[in-house]
């Protein structure tokens, strides 16, 4: 029994990291297939909707994935940065680094700056794409509608 207690005392940090890695892998094994199934079902429904609109003779709306991809990037980059910072910090804690506070502070400050830049850039990109899309719609309406007067003086 004392050998087991000594083993736990000497290798508790490594066991925690191993346990966390196993939990993450098991989560990926169960969650990832569910996410992929949900995405496949969504794509099938979207395809069926497009086929029905073709059958009824409605014009197809062009697909624009830019805003969705910008939103995903703005969401995923901070998540990955924070997970990486937490992993590095946990390794620093487990292996009892001499400059734990200074190195951890530097890691989290950089992670915060990168996350803020990704969020700001993603939101700006989404706004710009919405502005471009609104400008294209206004131009289409002007071309199809009656000519508008540009002079406001009588």
C-alpha atoms as a PDB file:
ATOM      1  CA  UNK A   1       0.000   0.000   0.000  1.00  0.00           C
ATOM      2  CA  UNK A   2       2.850   2.401   0.731  1.00  0.00           C
ATOM      3  CA  UNK A   3       4.257   1.768  -2.742  1.00  0.00           C
ATOM      4  CA  UNK A   4       0.928   2.846  -4.257  1.00  0.00           C
ATOM      5  CA  UNK A   5       0.805   6.002  -2.117  1.00  0.00           C
ATOM      6  CA  UNK A   6       4.388   6.804  -3.064  1.00  0.00           C
ATOM      7  CA  UNK A   7       3.600   6.230  -6.739  1.00  0.00           C
ATOM      8  CA  UNK A   8       0.580   8.562  -6.511  1.00  0.00           C
ATOM      9  CA  UNK A   9       2.660  11.168  -4.677  1.00  0.00           C
ATOM     10  CA  UNK A  10       5.454  11.038  -7.261  1.00  0.00           C
ATOM     11  CA  UNK A  11       3.306  10.873 -10.390  1.00  0.00           C
ATOM     12  CA  UNK A  12       0.031  12.607  -9.508  1.00  0.00           C
ATOM     13  CA  UNK A  13       0.565  15.345 -12.099  1.00  0.00           C
ATOM     14  CA  UNK A  14       1.214  12.890 -14.891  1.00  0.00           C
ATOM     15  CA  UNK A  15      -1.858  10.864 -13.907  1.00  0.00           C
ATOM     16  CA  UNK A  16      -4.028  13.982 -14.010  1.00  0.00           C
ATOM     17  CA  UNK A  17      -2.772  14.881 -17.481  1.00  0.00           C
ATOM     18  CA  UNK A  18      -3.296  11.293 -18.665  1.00  0.00           C
ATOM     19  CA  UNK A  19      -6.823  11.263 -17.237  1.00  0.00           C
ATOM     20  CA  UNK A  20      -7.679  14.588 -18.894  1.00  0.00           C
ATOM     21  CA  UNK A  21      -6.297  13.387 -22.237  1.00  0.00           C
ATOM     22  CA  UNK A  22      -8.396  10.210 -21.997  1.00  0.00           C
ATOM     23  CA  UNK A  23     -11.515  12.247 -21.180  1.00  0.00           C
ATOM     24  CA  UNK A  24     -10.940  14.519 -24.161  1.00  0.00           C
ATOM     25  CA  UNK A  25     -10.411  11.562 -26.506  1.00  0.00           C
ATOM     26  CA  UNK A  26     -13.511   9.762 -25.226  1.00  0.00           C
ATOM     27  CA  UNK A  27     -15.535  12.940 -25.629  1.00  0.00           C
ATOM     28  CA  UNK A  28     -14.322  13.293 -29.210  1.00  0.00           C
ATOM     29  CA  UNK A  29     -15.189   9.671 -29.912  1.00  0.00           C
ATOM     30  CA  UNK A  30     -18.784  10.196 -28.785  1.00  0.00           C
ATOM     31  CA  UNK A  31     -19.490  13.852 -29.621  1.00  0.00           C
ATOM     32  CA  UNK A  32     -17.825  14.128 -33.028  1.00  0.00           C
ATOM     33  CA  UNK A  33     -19.976  11.467 -34.731  1.00  0.00           C
ATOM     34  CA  UNK A  34     -23.117  13.110 -33.333  1.00  0.00           C
ATOM     35  CA  UNK A  35     -22.039  16.495 -34.698  1.00  0.00           C
ATOM     36  CA  UNK A  36     -21.266  14.989 -38.082  1.00  0.00           C
ATOM     37  CA  UNK A  37     -24.680  13.283 -38.219  1.00  0.00           C
ATOM     38  CA  UNK A  38     -26.440  16.530 -37.343  1.00  0.00           C
ATOM     39  CA  UNK A  39     -24.501  18.387 -40.040  1.00  0.00           C
ATOM     40  CA  UNK A  40     -25.300  15.716 -42.633  1.00  0.00           C
ATOM     41  CA  UNK A  41     -29.007  15.914 -41.747  1.00  0.00           C
ATOM     42  CA  UNK A  42     -28.928  19.706 -42.067  1.00  0.00           C
ATOM     43  CA  UNK A  43     -27.292  19.451 -45.501  1.00  0.00           C
ATOM     44  CA  UNK A  44     -29.867  16.868 -46.616  1.00  0.00           C
ATOM     45  CA  UNK A  45     -32.740  19.148 -45.556  1.00  0.00           C
ATOM     46  CA  UNK A  46     -31.133  22.113 -47.332  1.00  0.00           C
ATOM     47  CA  UNK A  47     -30.729  20.006 -50.488  1.00  0.00           C
ATOM     48  CA  UNK A  48     -34.360  18.855 -50.351  1.00  0.00           C
ATOM     49  CA  UNK A  49     -35.508  22.464 -49.934  1.00  0.00           C
ATOM     50  CA  UNK A  50     -33.523  23.527 -52.982  1.00  0.00           C
ATOM     51  CA  UNK A  51     -34.959  20.643 -55.024  1.00  0.00           C
ATOM     52  CA  UNK A  52     -38.517  21.644 -54.030  1.00  0.00           C
ATOM     53  CA  UNK A  53     -37.873  25.256 -55.001  1.00  0.00           C
ATOM     54  CA  UNK A  54     -36.532  24.108 -58.393  1.00  0.00           C
ATOM     55  CA  UNK A  55     -39.628  21.945 -58.934  1.00  0.00           C
ATOM     56  CA  UNK A  56     -41.923  24.888 -58.129  1.00  0.00           C
ATOM     57  CA  UNK A  57     -39.966  27.177 -60.435  1.00  0.00           C
ATOM     58  CA  UNK A  58     -38.657  29.574 -57.794  1.00  0.00           C
ATOM     59  CA  UNK A  59     -35.298  31.199 -58.468  1.00  0.00           C
ATOM     60  CA  UNK A  60     -32.442  29.748 -56.460  1.00  0.00           C
ATOM     61  CA  UNK A  61     -30.823  31.968 -53.887  1.00  0.00           C
ATOM     62  CA  UNK A  62     -27.066  31.854 -54.340  1.00  0.00           C
ATOM     63  CA  UNK A  63     -25.303  30.282 -51.385  1.00  0.00           C
ATOM     64  CA  UNK A  64     -22.899  32.557 -49.519  1.00  0.00           C
ATOM     65  CA  UNK A  65     -20.901  30.799 -46.832  1.00  0.00           C
ATOM     66  CA  UNK A  66     -18.501  33.656 -46.146  1.00  0.00           C
ATOM     67  CA  UNK A  67     -20.352  35.053 -43.135  1.00  0.00           C
ATOM     68  CA  UNK A  68     -20.863  31.602 -41.629  1.00  0.00           C
ATOM     69  CA  UNK A  69     -17.185  30.750 -42.056  1.00  0.00           C
ATOM     70  CA  UNK A  70     -16.127  34.088 -40.579  1.00  0.00           C
ATOM     71  CA  UNK A  71     -18.330  33.413 -37.567  1.00  0.00           C
ATOM     72  CA  UNK A  72     -16.886  29.932 -37.130  1.00  0.00           C
ATOM     73  CA  UNK A  73     -13.351  31.270 -37.318  1.00  0.00           C
ATOM     74  CA  UNK A  74     -14.142  34.034 -34.860  1.00  0.00           C
ATOM     75  CA  UNK A  75     -15.502  31.401 -32.486  1.00  0.00           C
ATOM     76  CA  UNK A  76     -12.954  28.600 -32.964  1.00  0.00           C
ATOM     77  CA  UNK A  77      -9.719  30.584 -32.782  1.00  0.00           C
ATOM     78  CA  UNK A  78     -10.293  31.853 -29.210  1.00  0.00           C
ATOM     79  CA  UNK A  79     -11.431  28.409 -28.076  1.00  0.00           C
ATOM     80  CA  UNK A  80      -8.305  26.720 -29.428  1.00  0.00           C
ATOM     81  CA  UNK A  81      -6.060  29.447 -28.032  1.00  0.00           C
ATOM     82  CA  UNK A  82      -7.602  29.144 -24.562  1.00  0.00           C
ATOM     83  CA  UNK A  83      -7.384  25.342 -24.601  1.00  0.00           C
ATOM     84  CA  UNK A  84      -3.726  25.581 -25.627  1.00  0.00           C
ATOM     85  CA  UNK A  85      -2.971  28.134 -22.920  1.00  0.00           C
ATOM     86  CA  UNK A  86      -4.687  25.965 -20.304  1.00  0.00           C
ATOM     87  CA  UNK A  87      -2.710  22.915 -21.457  1.00  0.00           C
ATOM     88  CA  UNK A  88       0.617  24.728 -21.267  1.00  0.00           C
ATOM     89  CA  UNK A  89      -0.285  26.164 -17.862  1.00  0.00           C
ATOM     90  CA  UNK A  90      -1.241  22.734 -16.547  1.00  0.00           C
ATOM     91  CA  UNK A  91       2.099  21.326 -17.698  1.00  0.00           C
ATOM     92  CA  UNK A  92       3.874  24.216 -15.958  1.00  0.00           C
ATOM     93  CA  UNK A  93       1.982  23.502 -12.744  1.00  0.00           C
ATOM     94  CA  UNK A  94       2.554  19.740 -12.915  1.00  0.00           C
ATOM     95  CA  UNK A  95       6.274  20.017 -13.547  1.00  0.00           C
ATOM     96  CA  UNK A  96       6.637  22.791 -10.943  1.00  0.00           C
ATOM     97  CA  UNK A  97       8.236  25.482 -13.064  1.00  0.00           C
ATOM     98  CA  UNK A  98      10.443  27.993 -11.255  1.00  0.00           C
ATOM     99  CA  UNK A  99       8.840  31.056 -12.858  1.00  0.00           C
ATOM    100  CA  UNK A 100       5.276  29.752 -12.818  1.00  0.00           C
ATOM    101  CA  UNK A 101       3.513  33.078 -12.300  1.00  0.00           C
ATOM    102  CA  UNK A 102       5.558  35.076 -14.816  1.00  0.00           C
ATOM    103  CA  UNK A 103       5.340  32.456 -17.556  1.00  0.00           C
ATOM    104  CA  UNK A 104       1.634  31.805 -16.922  1.00  0.00           C
ATOM    105  CA  UNK A 105       0.904  35.513 -17.004  1.00  0.00           C
ATOM    106  CA  UNK A 106       2.736  35.887 -20.315  1.00  0.00           C
ATOM    107  CA  UNK A 107       0.891  32.889 -21.788  1.00  0.00           C
ATOM    108  CA  UNK A 108      -2.548  34.160 -20.756  1.00  0.00           C
ATOM    109  CA  UNK A 109      -1.867  37.735 -21.877  1.00  0.00           C
ATOM    110  CA  UNK A 110      -0.821  36.520 -25.328  1.00  0.00           C
ATOM    111  CA  UNK A 111      -3.826  34.171 -25.445  1.00  0.00           C
ATOM    112  CA  UNK A 112      -6.136  37.044 -24.533  1.00  0.00           C
ATOM    113  CA  UNK A 113      -4.677  39.335 -27.189  1.00  0.00           C
ATOM    114  CA  UNK A 114      -4.911  36.660 -29.890  1.00  0.00           C
ATOM    115  CA  UNK A 115      -8.505  35.854 -28.877  1.00  0.00           C
ATOM    116  CA  UNK A 116      -9.504  39.508 -28.862  1.00  0.00           C
ATOM    117  CA  UNK A 117      -7.927  40.032 -32.282  1.00  0.00           C
ATOM    118  CA  UNK A 118      -9.745  36.983 -33.688  1.00  0.00           C
ATOM    119  CA  UNK A 119     -13.101  38.096 -32.287  1.00  0.00           C
ATOM    120  CA  UNK A 120     -12.650  41.676 -33.458  1.00  0.00           C
ATOM    121  CA  UNK A 121     -11.534  40.593 -36.921  1.00  0.00           C
ATOM    122  CA  UNK A 122     -14.383  38.095 -37.233  1.00  0.00           C
ATOM    123  CA  UNK A 123     -17.032  40.590 -36.197  1.00  0.00           C
ATOM    124  CA  UNK A 124     -15.579  43.231 -38.530  1.00  0.00           C
ATOM    125  CA  UNK A 125     -15.539  40.732 -41.391  1.00  0.00           C
ATOM    126  CA  UNK A 126     -19.135  39.687 -40.744  1.00  0.00           C
ATOM    127  CA  UNK A 127     -20.176  43.349 -40.678  1.00  0.00           C
ATOM    128  CA  UNK A 128     -18.323  44.079 -43.906  1.00  0.00           C
ATOM    129  CA  UNK A 129     -19.878  41.067 -45.622  1.00  0.00           C
ATOM    130  CA  UNK A 130     -23.339  42.204 -44.508  1.00  0.00           C
ATOM    131  CA  UNK A 131     -22.596  45.680 -45.832  1.00  0.00           C
ATOM    132  CA  UNK A 132     -21.435  44.278 -49.176  1.00  0.00           C
ATOM    133  CA  UNK A 133     -24.516  42.057 -49.405  1.00  0.00           C
ATOM    134  CA  UNK A 134     -26.821  44.986 -48.606  1.00  0.00           C
ATOM    135  CA  UNK A 135     -25.072  47.100 -51.261  1.00  0.00           C
ATOM    136  CA  UNK A 136     -25.524  44.366 -53.851  1.00  0.00           C
ATOM    137  CA  UNK A 137     -29.230  44.087 -53.033  1.00  0.00           C
ATOM    138  CA  UNK A 138     -29.721  47.859 -53.326  1.00  0.00           C
ATOM    139  CA  UNK A 139     -27.972  47.873 -56.717  1.00  0.00           C
ATOM    140  CA  UNK A 140     -30.177  44.995 -57.902  1.00  0.00           C
ATOM    141  CA  UNK A 141     -33.327  46.851 -56.797  1.00  0.00           C
ATOM    142  CA  UNK A 142     -32.201  50.030 -58.539  1.00  0.00           C
ATOM    143  CA  UNK A 143     -31.506  48.158 -61.783  1.00  0.00           C
ATOM    144  CA  UNK A 144     -34.892  46.396 -61.757  1.00  0.00           C
ATOM    145  CA  UNK A 145     -36.972  49.313 -60.507  1.00  0.00           C
ATOM    146  CA  UNK A 146     -37.713  52.641 -62.072  1.00  0.00           C
ATOM    147  CA  UNK A 147     -34.917  55.125 -62.511  1.00  0.00           C
ATOM    148  CA  UNK A 148     -34.632  57.327 -59.463  1.00  0.00           C
ATOM    149  CA  UNK A 149     -34.089  61.055 -59.609  1.00  0.00           C
ATOM    150  CA  UNK A 150     -30.726  62.131 -58.366  1.00  0.00           C
ATOM    151  CA  UNK A 151     -31.589  65.816 -58.237  1.00  0.00           C
ATOM    152  CA  UNK A 152     -33.512  67.045 -55.233  1.00  0.00           C
ATOM    153  CA  UNK A 153     -33.930  70.593 -56.486  1.00  0.00           C
ATOM    154  CA  UNK A 154     -37.138  71.615 -58.245  1.00  0.00           C
END
